[in-house]
Amino acid sequence: MTTIYKYPIKLDEKRTKFFVELPKGAEVVSATKMRSGSGFIYAIVDSDEQETIEREVYWVGTGWPLDMSKVNSYQFLGTFEEKPNDFQSLIWHVWVEKENINFAEVFSKLLF
C-alpha cells in the first residue's frame, strides 16, 4: 500500500549529516520542524516493501560553507527555523541523498 510516512531527524550544530533508513523506492518529499521541536522527513513509501536502504541527510545553517557535491547531487527538501531560546534563531537548509537506481534491474523486470 502506498502511504506517507515520517522519519525523525536530529539537527546538531556539531555535525551536518546523518543517515535515515527508508524502504527501497521511497520518494522523499519534504522536511519540516514541528512545534514540539522535532524535525521530520516525509516520504511516500510502499508500506509492503521489506527491503530498506540507508540514505544520507545533509543540512547546513545559513552562513555555513556548503558541500557543493551534495548540493548538486542531492534532493533539496526545504528550509526551516529552530528557536532554541527567545534570543536566538537558527535557519536550517536540508537535502537528502537520492536513491541509486539499478537500471539494469529495472529493465530486466520490464522485459521478463
PDB file of N, CA and C in Angstrom:
ATOM      1  N   MET A   1       0.851  -1.176   0.000  1.00  0.00           N
ATOM      2  CA  MET A   1       0.000   0.000   0.000  1.00  0.00           C
ATOM      3  C   MET A   1       0.899   1.242   0.000  1.00  0.00           C
ATOM      4  N   THR A   2       0.544   2.230  -0.797  1.00  0.00           N
ATOM      5  CA  THR A   2       1.302   3.471  -0.865  1.00  0.00           C
ATOM      6  C   THR A   2       0.764   4.448   0.174  1.00  0.00           C
ATOM      7  N   THR A   3       1.675   5.013   0.951  1.00  0.00           N
ATOM      8  CA  THR A   3       1.282   5.953   2.007  1.00  0.00           C
ATOM      9  C   THR A   3       2.427   6.926   2.261  1.00  0.00           C
ATOM     10  N   ILE A   4       2.176   7.917   3.093  1.00  0.00           N
ATOM     11  CA  ILE A   4       3.231   8.851   3.505  1.00  0.00           C
ATOM     12  C   ILE A   4       3.615   8.524   4.937  1.00  0.00           C
ATOM     13  N   TYR A   5       4.904   8.343   5.159  1.00  0.00           N
ATOM     14  CA  TYR A   5       5.436   8.106   6.500  1.00  0.00           C
ATOM     15  C   TYR A   5       6.368   9.255   6.867  1.00  0.00           C
ATOM     16  N   LYS A   6       6.542   9.435   8.158  1.00  0.00           N
ATOM     17  CA  LYS A   6       7.516  10.433   8.614  1.00  0.00           C
ATOM     18  C   LYS A   6       8.637   9.721   9.363  1.00  0.00           C
ATOM     19  N   TYR A   7       9.823  10.307   9.236  1.00  0.00           N
ATOM     20  CA  TYR A   7      11.029   9.760   9.844  1.00  0.00           C
ATOM     21  C   TYR A   7      11.716  10.867  10.621  1.00  0.00           C
ATOM     22  N   PRO A   8      12.057  10.631  11.890  1.00  0.00           N
ATOM     23  CA  PRO A   8      12.678  11.688  12.702  1.00  0.00           C
ATOM     24  C   PRO A   8      14.082  12.035  12.223  1.00  0.00           C
ATOM     25  N   ILE A   9      14.409  13.320  12.313  1.00  0.00           N
ATOM     26  CA  ILE A   9      15.764  13.781  12.035  1.00  0.00           C
ATOM     27  C   ILE A   9      16.251  14.582  13.234  1.00  0.00           C
ATOM     28  N   LYS A  10      17.536  14.517  13.473  1.00  0.00           N
ATOM     29  CA  LYS A  10      18.138  15.266  14.578  1.00  0.00           C
ATOM     30  C   LYS A  10      19.156  16.229  14.008  1.00  0.00           C
ATOM     31  N   LEU A  11      18.883  17.501  14.126  1.00  0.00           N
ATOM     32  CA  LEU A  11      19.830  18.511  13.686  1.00  0.00           C
ATOM     33  C   LEU A  11      20.783  18.798  14.826  1.00  0.00           C
ATOM     34  N   ASP A  12      22.027  18.927  14.504  1.00  0.00           N
ATOM     35  CA  ASP A  12      23.062  19.083  15.517  1.00  0.00           C
ATOM     36  C   ASP A  12      24.122  20.013  14.949  1.00  0.00           C
ATOM     37  N   GLU A  13      24.440  21.075  15.670  1.00  0.00           N
ATOM     38  CA  GLU A  13      25.424  22.046  15.185  1.00  0.00           C
ATOM     39  C   GLU A  13      26.824  21.449  15.046  1.00  0.00           C
ATOM     40  N   LYS A  14      27.071  20.287  15.647  1.00  0.00           N
ATOM     41  CA  LYS A  14      28.407  19.687  15.610  1.00  0.00           C
ATOM     42  C   LYS A  14      28.606  18.769  14.401  1.00  0.00           C
ATOM     43  N   ARG A  15      27.534  18.415  13.725  1.00  0.00           N
ATOM     44  CA  ARG A  15      27.665  17.579  12.535  1.00  0.00           C
ATOM     45  C   ARG A  15      26.627  18.006  11.505  1.00  0.00           C
ATOM     46  N   THR A  16      26.880  17.721  10.249  1.00  0.00           N
ATOM     47  CA  THR A  16      25.984  18.191   9.195  1.00  0.00           C
ATOM     48  C   THR A  16      25.359  17.051   8.403  1.00  0.00           C
ATOM     49  N   LYS A  17      25.441  15.844   8.925  1.00  0.00           N
ATOM     50  CA  LYS A  17      24.807  14.739   8.221  1.00  0.00           C
ATOM     51  C   LYS A  17      24.450  13.632   9.191  1.00  0.00           C
ATOM     52  N   PHE A  18      23.527  12.808   8.772  1.00  0.00           N
ATOM     53  CA  PHE A  18      23.202  11.568   9.451  1.00  0.00           C
ATOM     54  C   PHE A  18      22.510  10.692   8.420  1.00  0.00           C
ATOM     55  N   PHE A  19      22.213   9.478   8.794  1.00  0.00           N
ATOM     56  CA  PHE A  19      21.599   8.549   7.856  1.00  0.00           C
ATOM     57  C   PHE A  19      20.227   8.134   8.363  1.00  0.00           C
ATOM     58  N   VAL A  20      19.311   7.951   7.418  1.00  0.00           N
ATOM     59  CA  VAL A  20      17.964   7.503   7.741  1.00  0.00           C
ATOM     60  C   VAL A  20      17.687   6.259   6.904  1.00  0.00           C
ATOM     61  N   GLU A  21      17.057   5.277   7.518  1.00  0.00           N
ATOM     62  CA  GLU A  21      16.738   4.045   6.811  1.00  0.00           C
ATOM     63  C   GLU A  21      15.314   4.139   6.277  1.00  0.00           C
ATOM     64  N   LEU A  22      15.197   3.995   4.950  1.00  0.00           N
ATOM     65  CA  LEU A  22      13.910   4.124   4.273  1.00  0.00           C
ATOM     66  C   LEU A  22      13.624   2.863   3.464  1.00  0.00           C
ATOM     67  N   PRO A  23      12.339   2.566   3.239  1.00  0.00           N
ATOM     68  CA  PRO A  23      12.031   1.449   2.342  1.00  0.00           C
ATOM     69  C   PRO A  23      12.578   1.726   0.945  1.00  0.00           C
ATOM     70  N   LYS A  24      13.016   0.685   0.288  1.00  0.00           N
ATOM     71  CA  LYS A  24      13.531   0.824  -1.080  1.00  0.00           C
ATOM     72  C   LYS A  24      12.459   1.487  -1.946  1.00  0.00           C
ATOM     73  N   GLY A  25      12.885   2.456  -2.758  1.00  0.00           N
ATOM     74  CA  GLY A  25      11.961   3.146  -3.652  1.00  0.00           C
ATOM     75  C   GLY A  25      11.210   4.305  -3.020  1.00  0.00           C
ATOM     76  N   ALA A  26      11.500   4.619  -1.762  1.00  0.00           N
ATOM     77  CA  ALA A  26      10.806   5.732  -1.090  1.00  0.00           C
ATOM     78  C   ALA A  26      11.082   7.037  -1.817  1.00  0.00           C
ATOM     79  N   GLU A  27      10.053   7.854  -1.975  1.00  0.00           N
ATOM     80  CA  GLU A  27      10.198   9.179  -2.578  1.00  0.00           C
ATOM     81  C   GLU A  27      10.112  10.219  -1.460  1.00  0.00           C
ATOM     82  N   VAL A  28      11.241  10.773  -1.085  1.00  0.00           N
ATOM     83  CA  VAL A  28      11.273  11.774  -0.020  1.00  0.00           C
ATOM     84  C   VAL A  28      10.698  13.072  -0.581  1.00  0.00           C
ATOM     85  N   VAL A  29       9.729  13.654   0.129  1.00  0.00           N
ATOM     86  CA  VAL A  29       9.036  14.820  -0.419  1.00  0.00           C
ATOM     87  C   VAL A  29       9.258  16.107   0.353  1.00  0.00           C
ATOM     88  N   SER A  30       9.584  16.033   1.652  1.00  0.00           N
ATOM     89  CA  SER A  30       9.798  17.277   2.396  1.00  0.00           C
ATOM     90  C   SER A  30      10.463  17.004   3.737  1.00  0.00           C
ATOM     91  N   ALA A  31      10.912  18.100   4.341  1.00  0.00           N
ATOM     92  CA  ALA A  31      11.437  18.068   5.708  1.00  0.00           C
ATOM     93  C   ALA A  31      10.808  19.246   6.435  1.00  0.00           C
ATOM     94  N   THR A  32      10.483  19.045   7.695  1.00  0.00           N
ATOM     95  CA  THR A  32       9.861  20.125   8.456  1.00  0.00           C
ATOM     96  C   THR A  32      10.188  19.988   9.934  1.00  0.00           C
ATOM     97  N   LYS A  33       9.964  21.040  10.646  1.00  0.00           N
ATOM     98  CA  LYS A  33      10.180  21.083  12.096  1.00  0.00           C
ATOM     99  C   LYS A  33       8.827  21.277  12.755  1.00  0.00           C
ATOM    100  N   MET A  34       8.499  20.465  13.713  1.00  0.00           N
ATOM    101  CA  MET A  34       7.225  20.561  14.426  1.00  0.00           C
ATOM    102  C   MET A  34       7.358  21.536  15.593  1.00  0.00           C
ATOM    103  N   ARG A  35       6.251  21.995  16.081  1.00  0.00           N
ATOM    104  CA  ARG A  35       6.257  22.904  17.244  1.00  0.00           C
ATOM    105  C   ARG A  35       6.916  22.275  18.455  1.00  0.00           C
ATOM    106  N   SER A  36       6.843  20.957  18.524  1.00  0.00           N
ATOM    107  CA  SER A  36       7.451  20.239  19.647  1.00  0.00           C
ATOM    108  C   SER A  36       8.972  20.325  19.619  1.00  0.00           C
ATOM    109  N   GLY A  37       9.523  20.765  18.465  1.00  0.00           N
ATOM    110  CA  GLY A  37      10.971  20.862  18.326  1.00  0.00           C
ATOM    111  C   GLY A  37      11.578  19.729  17.535  1.00  0.00           C
ATOM    112  N   SER A  38      10.798  18.694  17.257  1.00  0.00           N
ATOM    113  CA  SER A  38      11.306  17.561  16.497  1.00  0.00           C
ATOM    114  C   SER A  38      11.294  17.862  15.007  1.00  0.00           C
ATOM    115  N   GLY A  39      12.325  17.396  14.305  1.00  0.00           N
ATOM    116  CA  GLY A  39      12.382  17.515  12.857  1.00  0.00           C
ATOM    117  C   GLY A  39      11.997  16.192  12.224  1.00  0.00           C
ATOM    118  N   PHE A  40      11.371  16.260  11.043  1.00  0.00           N
ATOM    119  CA  PHE A  40      10.942  15.052  10.349  1.00  0.00           C
ATOM    120  C   PHE A  40      11.171  15.169   8.854  1.00  0.00           C
ATOM    121  N   ILE A  41      11.434  14.033   8.244  1.00  0.00           N
ATOM    122  CA  ILE A  41      11.426  13.883   6.799  1.00  0.00           C
ATOM    123  C   ILE A  41      10.157  13.105   6.472  1.00  0.00           C
ATOM    124  N   TYR A  42       9.454  13.531   5.429  1.00  0.00           N
ATOM    125  CA  TYR A  42       8.259  12.839   4.975  1.00  0.00           C
ATOM    126  C   TYR A  42       8.557  12.167   3.646  1.00  0.00           C
ATOM    127  N   ALA A  43       8.108  10.918   3.491  1.00  0.00           N
ATOM    128  CA  ALA A  43       8.379  10.167   2.268  1.00  0.00           C
ATOM    129  C   ALA A  43       7.155   9.365   1.861  1.00  0.00           C
ATOM    130  N   ILE A  44       6.950   9.274   0.556  1.00  0.00           N
ATOM    131  CA  ILE A  44       5.926   8.389   0.012  1.00  0.00           C
ATOM    132  C   ILE A  44       6.574   7.016  -0.097  1.00  0.00           C
ATOM    133  N   VAL A  45       5.971   6.027   0.543  1.00  0.00           N
ATOM    134  CA  VAL A  45       6.572   4.699   0.607  1.00  0.00           C
ATOM    135  C   VAL A  45       5.549   3.621   0.258  1.00  0.00           C
ATOM    136  N   ASP A  46       6.074   2.488  -0.153  1.00  0.00           N
ATOM    137  CA  ASP A  46       5.260   1.287  -0.294  1.00  0.00           C
ATOM    138  C   ASP A  46       5.392   0.567   1.040  1.00  0.00           C
ATOM    139  N   SER A  47       4.329   0.577   1.827  1.00  0.00           N
ATOM    140  CA  SER A  47       4.412   0.011   3.183  1.00  0.00           C
ATOM    141  C   SER A  47       4.605  -1.504   3.167  1.00  0.00           C
ATOM    142  N   ASP A  48       4.434  -2.143   2.011  1.00  0.00           N
ATOM    143  CA  ASP A  48       4.661  -3.581   1.899  1.00  0.00           C
ATOM    144  C   ASP A  48       6.110  -3.912   1.546  1.00  0.00           C
ATOM    145  N   GLU A  49       6.895  -2.896   1.192  1.00  0.00           N
ATOM    146  CA  GLU A  49       8.300  -3.112   0.812  1.00  0.00           C
ATOM    147  C   GLU A  49       9.111  -3.505   2.043  1.00  0.00           C
ATOM    148  N   GLN A  50       9.741  -4.673   1.974  1.00  0.00           N
ATOM    149  CA  GLN A  50      10.524  -5.173   3.095  1.00  0.00           C
ATOM    150  C   GLN A  50      11.977  -4.704   3.057  1.00  0.00           C
ATOM    151  N   GLU A  51      12.507  -4.479   1.858  1.00  0.00           N
ATOM    152  CA  GLU A  51      13.910  -4.084   1.721  1.00  0.00           C
ATOM    153  C   GLU A  51      14.060  -2.596   2.050  1.00  0.00           C
ATOM    154  N   THR A  52      15.084  -2.264   2.808  1.00  0.00           N
ATOM    155  CA  THR A  52      15.344  -0.866   3.159  1.00  0.00           C
ATOM    156  C   THR A  52      16.731  -0.466   2.679  1.00  0.00           C
ATOM    157  N   ILE A  53      16.912   0.834   2.541  1.00  0.00           N
ATOM    158  CA  ILE A  53      18.228   1.366   2.209  1.00  0.00           C
ATOM    159  C   ILE A  53      18.503   2.561   3.117  1.00  0.00           C
ATOM    160  N   GLU A  54      19.779   2.787   3.358  1.00  0.00           N
ATOM    161  CA  GLU A  54      20.211   3.916   4.170  1.00  0.00           C
ATOM    162  C   GLU A  54      20.507   5.089   3.245  1.00  0.00           C
ATOM    163  N   ARG A  55      19.909   6.252   3.543  1.00  0.00           N
ATOM    164  CA  ARG A  55      20.159   7.442   2.735  1.00  0.00           C
ATOM    165  C   ARG A  55      20.651   8.561   3.645  1.00  0.00           C
ATOM    166  N   GLU A  56      21.615   9.310   3.127  1.00  0.00           N
ATOM    167  CA  GLU A  56      22.210  10.391   3.914  1.00  0.00           C
ATOM    168  C   GLU A  56      21.324  11.632   3.879  1.00  0.00           C
ATOM    169  N   VAL A  57      21.176  12.257   5.020  1.00  0.00           N
ATOM    170  CA  VAL A  57      20.524  13.565   5.137  1.00  0.00           C
ATOM    171  C   VAL A  57      21.630  14.565   5.445  1.00  0.00           C
ATOM    172  N   TYR A  58      21.661  15.640   4.686  1.00  0.00           N
ATOM    173  CA  TYR A  58      22.695  16.673   4.817  1.00  0.00           C
ATOM    174  C   TYR A  58      21.999  18.004   5.076  1.00  0.00           C
ATOM    175  N   TRP A  59      22.516  18.768   6.025  1.00  0.00           N
ATOM    176  CA  TRP A  59      21.939  20.086   6.284  1.00  0.00           C
ATOM    177  C   TRP A  59      23.029  21.072   6.650  1.00  0.00           C
ATOM    178  N   VAL A  60      22.728  22.324   6.429  1.00  0.00           N
ATOM    179  CA  VAL A  60      23.635  23.394   6.835  1.00  0.00           C
ATOM    180  C   VAL A  60      22.802  24.545   7.361  1.00  0.00           C
ATOM    181  N   GLY A  61      23.432  25.345   8.180  1.00  0.00           N
ATOM    182  CA  GLY A  61      22.804  26.559   8.659  1.00  0.00           C
ATOM    183  C   GLY A  61      23.130  27.713   7.733  1.00  0.00           C
ATOM    184  N   THR A  62      22.315  28.744   7.768  1.00  0.00           N
ATOM    185  CA  THR A  62      22.585  29.937   6.972  1.00  0.00           C
ATOM    186  C   THR A  62      23.957  30.486   7.351  1.00  0.00           C
ATOM    187  N   GLY A  63      24.768  30.803   6.335  1.00  0.00           N
ATOM    188  CA  GLY A  63      26.112  31.325   6.562  1.00  0.00           C
ATOM    189  C   GLY A  63      27.189  30.258   6.663  1.00  0.00           C
ATOM    190  N   TRP A  64      26.796  28.992   6.679  1.00  0.00           N
ATOM    191  CA  TRP A  64      27.771  27.903   6.758  1.00  0.00           C
ATOM    192  C   TRP A  64      28.326  27.606   5.372  1.00  0.00           C
ATOM    193  N   PRO A  65      29.542  27.055   5.274  1.00  0.00           N
ATOM    194  CA  PRO A  65      30.066  26.626   3.975  1.00  0.00           C
ATOM    195  C   PRO A  65      29.261  25.425   3.457  1.00  0.00           C
ATOM    196  N   LEU A  66      29.083  25.372   2.137  1.00  0.00           N
ATOM    197  CA  LEU A  66      28.322  24.291   1.519  1.00  0.00           C
ATOM    198  C   LEU A  66      29.236  23.238   0.915  1.00  0.00           C
ATOM    199  N   ASP A  67      28.839  21.989   1.030  1.00  0.00           N
ATOM    200  CA  ASP A  67      29.484  20.908   0.305  1.00  0.00           C
ATOM    201  C   ASP A  67      28.751  20.821  -1.033  1.00  0.00           C
ATOM    202  N   MET A  68      29.311  21.455  -2.075  1.00  0.00           N
ATOM    203  CA  MET A  68      28.619  21.576  -3.354  1.00  0.00           C
ATOM    204  C   MET A  68      28.394  20.228  -4.029  1.00  0.00           C
ATOM    205  N   SER A  69      29.201  19.217  -3.716  1.00  0.00           N
ATOM    206  CA  SER A  69      28.959  17.901  -4.303  1.00  0.00           C
ATOM    207  C   SER A  69      27.615  17.349  -3.831  1.00  0.00           C
ATOM    208  N   LYS A  70      27.259  17.634  -2.588  1.00  0.00           N
ATOM    209  CA  LYS A  70      25.967  17.192  -2.077  1.00  0.00           C
ATOM    210  C   LYS A  70      24.836  18.091  -2.587  1.00  0.00           C
ATOM    211  N   VAL A  71      25.049  19.389  -2.560  1.00  0.00           N
ATOM    212  CA  VAL A  71      24.024  20.334  -3.011  1.00  0.00           C
ATOM    213  C   VAL A  71      23.642  20.057  -4.461  1.00  0.00           C
ATOM    214  N   ASN A  72      24.620  19.718  -5.288  1.00  0.00           N
ATOM    215  CA  ASN A  72      24.363  19.491  -6.708  1.00  0.00           C
ATOM    216  C   ASN A  72      23.773  18.116  -7.014  1.00  0.00           C
ATOM    217  N   SER A  73      23.974  17.148  -6.134  1.00  0.00           N
ATOM    218  CA  SER A  73      23.512  15.796  -6.455  1.00  0.00           C
ATOM    219  C   SER A  73      22.425  15.267  -5.511  1.00  0.00           C
ATOM    220  N   TYR A  74      22.161  15.960  -4.428  1.00  0.00           N
ATOM    221  CA  TYR A  74      21.117  15.531  -3.503  1.00  0.00           C
ATOM    222  C   TYR A  74      19.831  16.308  -3.787  1.00  0.00           C
ATOM    223  N   GLN A  75      18.729  15.821  -3.231  1.00  0.00           N
ATOM    224  CA  GLN A  75      17.428  16.465  -3.399  1.00  0.00           C
ATOM    225  C   GLN A  75      17.208  17.469  -2.271  1.00  0.00           C
ATOM    226  N   PHE A  76      16.933  18.727  -2.644  1.00  0.00           N
ATOM    227  CA  PHE A  76      16.647  19.750  -1.634  1.00  0.00           C
ATOM    228  C   PHE A  76      15.256  19.511  -1.060  1.00  0.00           C
ATOM    229  N   LEU A  77      15.147  19.527   0.265  1.00  0.00           N
ATOM    230  CA  LEU A  77      13.863  19.256   0.928  1.00  0.00           C
ATOM    231  C   LEU A  77      13.216  20.496   1.506  1.00  0.00           C
ATOM    232  N   GLY A  78      14.000  21.485   1.885  1.00  0.00           N
ATOM    233  CA  GLY A  78      13.383  22.680   2.432  1.00  0.00           C
ATOM    234  C   GLY A  78      14.256  23.386   3.442  1.00  0.00           C
ATOM    235  N   THR A  79      13.703  24.485   3.928  1.00  0.00           N
ATOM    236  CA  THR A  79      14.357  25.340   4.904  1.00  0.00           C
ATOM    237  C   THR A  79      13.400  25.523   6.066  1.00  0.00           C
ATOM    238  N   PHE A  80      13.918  25.446   7.288  1.00  0.00           N
ATOM    239  CA  PHE A  80      13.064  25.728   8.433  1.00  0.00           C
ATOM    240  C   PHE A  80      13.849  26.348   9.572  1.00  0.00           C
ATOM    241  N   GLU A  81      13.101  26.909  10.494  1.00  0.00           N
ATOM    242  CA  GLU A  81      13.671  27.670  11.604  1.00  0.00           C
ATOM    243  C   GLU A  81      13.574  26.881  12.906  1.00  0.00           C
ATOM    244  N   GLU A  82      14.603  27.008  13.697  1.00  0.00           N
ATOM    245  CA  GLU A  82      14.625  26.439  15.045  1.00  0.00           C
ATOM    246  C   GLU A  82      14.926  27.573  16.007  1.00  0.00           C
ATOM    247  N   LYS A  83      14.142  27.671  17.073  1.00  0.00           N
ATOM    248  CA  LYS A  83      14.358  28.720  18.072  1.00  0.00           C
ATOM    249  C   LYS A  83      14.740  28.056  19.391  1.00  0.00           C
ATOM    250  N   PRO A  84      16.040  27.903  19.618  1.00  0.00           N
ATOM    251  CA  PRO A  84      16.469  27.266  20.859  1.00  0.00           C
ATOM    252  C   PRO A  84      16.142  28.081  22.107  1.00  0.00           C
ATOM    253  N   ASN A  85      15.979  29.395  21.919  1.00  0.00           N
ATOM    254  CA  ASN A  85      15.588  30.255  23.043  1.00  0.00           C
ATOM    255  C   ASN A  85      14.966  31.534  22.470  1.00  0.00           C
ATOM    256  N   ASP A  86      14.544  32.442  23.336  1.00  0.00           N
ATOM    257  CA  ASP A  86      13.884  33.674  22.891  1.00  0.00           C
ATOM    258  C   ASP A  86      14.820  34.646  22.183  1.00  0.00           C
ATOM    259  N   PHE A  87      16.115  34.437  22.282  1.00  0.00           N
ATOM    260  CA  PHE A  87      17.082  35.389  21.745  1.00  0.00           C
ATOM    261  C   PHE A  87      17.816  34.880  20.498  1.00  0.00           C
ATOM    262  N   GLN A  88      17.601  33.640  20.159  1.00  0.00           N
ATOM    263  CA  GLN A  88      18.369  33.039  19.076  1.00  0.00           C
ATOM    264  C   GLN A  88      17.423  32.336  18.094  1.00  0.00           C
ATOM    265  N   SER A  89      17.783  32.393  16.833  1.00  0.00           N
ATOM    266  CA  SER A  89      17.031  31.701  15.799  1.00  0.00           C
ATOM    267  C   SER A  89      18.029  31.062  14.840  1.00  0.00           C
ATOM    268  N   LEU A  90      17.861  29.764  14.565  1.00  0.00           N
ATOM    269  CA  LEU A  90      18.732  29.043  13.636  1.00  0.00           C
ATOM    270  C   LEU A  90      17.914  28.670  12.410  1.00  0.00           C
ATOM    271  N   ILE A  91      18.477  28.892  11.231  1.00  0.00           N
ATOM    272  CA  ILE A  91      17.810  28.532   9.989  1.00  0.00           C
ATOM    273  C   ILE A  91      18.571  27.368   9.361  1.00  0.00           C
ATOM    274  N   TRP A  92      17.861  26.264   9.126  1.00  0.00           N
ATOM    275  CA  TRP A  92      18.452  25.050   8.573  1.00  0.00           C
ATOM    276  C   TRP A  92      17.973  24.828   7.147  1.00  0.00           C
ATOM    277  N   HIS A  93      18.874  24.339   6.287  1.00  0.00           N
ATOM    278  CA  HIS A  93      18.573  24.006   4.904  1.00  0.00           C
ATOM    279  C   HIS A  93      18.909  22.517   4.751  1.00  0.00           C
ATOM    280  N   VAL A  94      17.949  21.720   4.257  1.00  0.00           N
ATOM    281  CA  VAL A  94      18.055  20.263   4.325  1.00  0.00           C
ATOM    282  C   VAL A  94      18.000  19.627   2.932  1.00  0.00           C
ATOM    283  N   TRP A  95      18.917  18.668   2.701  1.00  0.00           N
ATOM    284  CA  TRP A  95      18.950  17.865   1.476  1.00  0.00           C
ATOM    285  C   TRP A  95      18.950  16.395   1.855  1.00  0.00           C
ATOM    286  N   VAL A  96      18.526  15.539   0.929  1.00  0.00           N
ATOM    287  CA  VAL A  96      18.593  14.089   1.137  1.00  0.00           C
ATOM    288  C   VAL A  96      19.220  13.437  -0.091  1.00  0.00           C
ATOM    289  N   GLU A  97      20.009  12.413   0.191  1.00  0.00           N
ATOM    290  CA  GLU A  97      20.644  11.647  -0.881  1.00  0.00           C
ATOM    291  C   GLU A  97      19.563  10.973  -1.723  1.00  0.00           C
ATOM    292  N   LYS A  98      19.732  11.047  -3.043  1.00  0.00           N
ATOM    293  CA  LYS A  98      18.803  10.367  -3.934  1.00  0.00           C
ATOM    294  C   LYS A  98      19.116   8.884  -3.927  1.00  0.00           C
ATOM    295  N   GLU A  99      18.083   8.081  -4.085  1.00  0.00           N
ATOM    296  CA  GLU A  99      18.293   6.637  -4.137  1.00  0.00           C
ATOM    297  C   GLU A  99      18.972   6.281  -5.447  1.00  0.00           C
ATOM    298  N   ASN A 100      20.011   5.459  -5.366  1.00  0.00           N
ATOM    299  CA  ASN A 100      20.664   4.961  -6.578  1.00  0.00           C
ATOM    300  C   ASN A 100      19.790   3.878  -7.182  1.00  0.00           C
ATOM    301  N   ILE A 101      19.395   4.082  -8.407  1.00  0.00           N
ATOM    302  CA  ILE A 101      18.520   3.130  -9.074  1.00  0.00           C
ATOM    303  C   ILE A 101      19.368   2.220  -9.955  1.00  0.00           C
ATOM    304  N   ASN A 102      19.168   0.944  -9.803  1.00  0.00           N
ATOM    305  CA  ASN A 102      19.850  -0.039 -10.632  1.00  0.00           C
ATOM    306  C   ASN A 102      19.001  -0.220 -11.893  1.00  0.00           C
ATOM    307  N   PHE A 103      19.335   0.521 -12.951  1.00  0.00           N
ATOM    308  CA  PHE A 103      18.523   0.496 -14.161  1.00  0.00           C
ATOM    309  C   PHE A 103      18.524  -0.875 -14.825  1.00  0.00           C
ATOM    310  N   ALA A 104      19.613  -1.614 -14.732  1.00  0.00           N
ATOM    311  CA  ALA A 104      19.652  -2.959 -15.309  1.00  0.00           C
ATOM    312  C   ALA A 104      18.593  -3.841 -14.639  1.00  0.00           C
ATOM    313  N   GLU A 105      18.475  -3.717 -13.320  1.00  0.00           N
ATOM    314  CA  GLU A 105      17.469  -4.488 -12.586  1.00  0.00           C
ATOM    315  C   GLU A 105      16.060  -4.065 -12.987  1.00  0.00           C
ATOM    316  N   VAL A 106      15.839  -2.772 -13.113  1.00  0.00           N
ATOM    317  CA  VAL A 106      14.512  -2.262 -13.504  1.00  0.00           C
ATOM    318  C   VAL A 106      14.152  -2.751 -14.898  1.00  0.00           C
ATOM    319  N   PHE A 107      15.083  -2.628 -15.846  1.00  0.00           N
ATOM    320  CA  PHE A 107      14.797  -3.048 -17.222  1.00  0.00           C
ATOM    321  C   PHE A 107      14.592  -4.545 -17.319  1.00  0.00           C
ATOM    322  N   SER A 108      15.351  -5.313 -16.553  1.00  0.00           N
ATOM    323  CA  SER A 108      15.185  -6.763 -16.617  1.00  0.00           C
ATOM    324  C   SER A 108      13.790  -7.164 -16.133  1.00  0.00           C
ATOM    325  N   LYS A 109      13.239  -6.450 -15.184  1.00  0.00           N
ATOM    326  CA  LYS A 109      11.875  -6.731 -14.705  1.00  0.00           C
ATOM    327  C   LYS A 109      10.848  -6.354 -15.758  1.00  0.00           C
ATOM    328  N   LEU A 110      11.139  -5.317 -16.531  1.00  0.00           N
ATOM    329  CA  LEU A 110      10.208  -4.892 -17.574  1.00  0.00           C
ATOM    330  C   LEU A 110      10.208  -5.849 -18.763  1.00  0.00           C
ATOM    331  N   LEU A 111      11.363  -6.458 -19.038  1.00  0.00           N
ATOM    332  CA  LEU A 111      11.498  -7.308 -20.209  1.00  0.00           C
ATOM    333  C   LEU A 111      11.004  -8.723 -19.985  1.00  0.00           C
ATOM    334  N   PHE A 112      10.947  -9.161 -18.742  1.00  0.00           N
ATOM    335  CA  PHE A 112      10.547 -10.548 -18.467  1.00  0.00           C
ATOM    336  C   PHE A 112       9.291 -10.634 -17.674  1.00  0.00           C
TER     337      PHE A 112
END
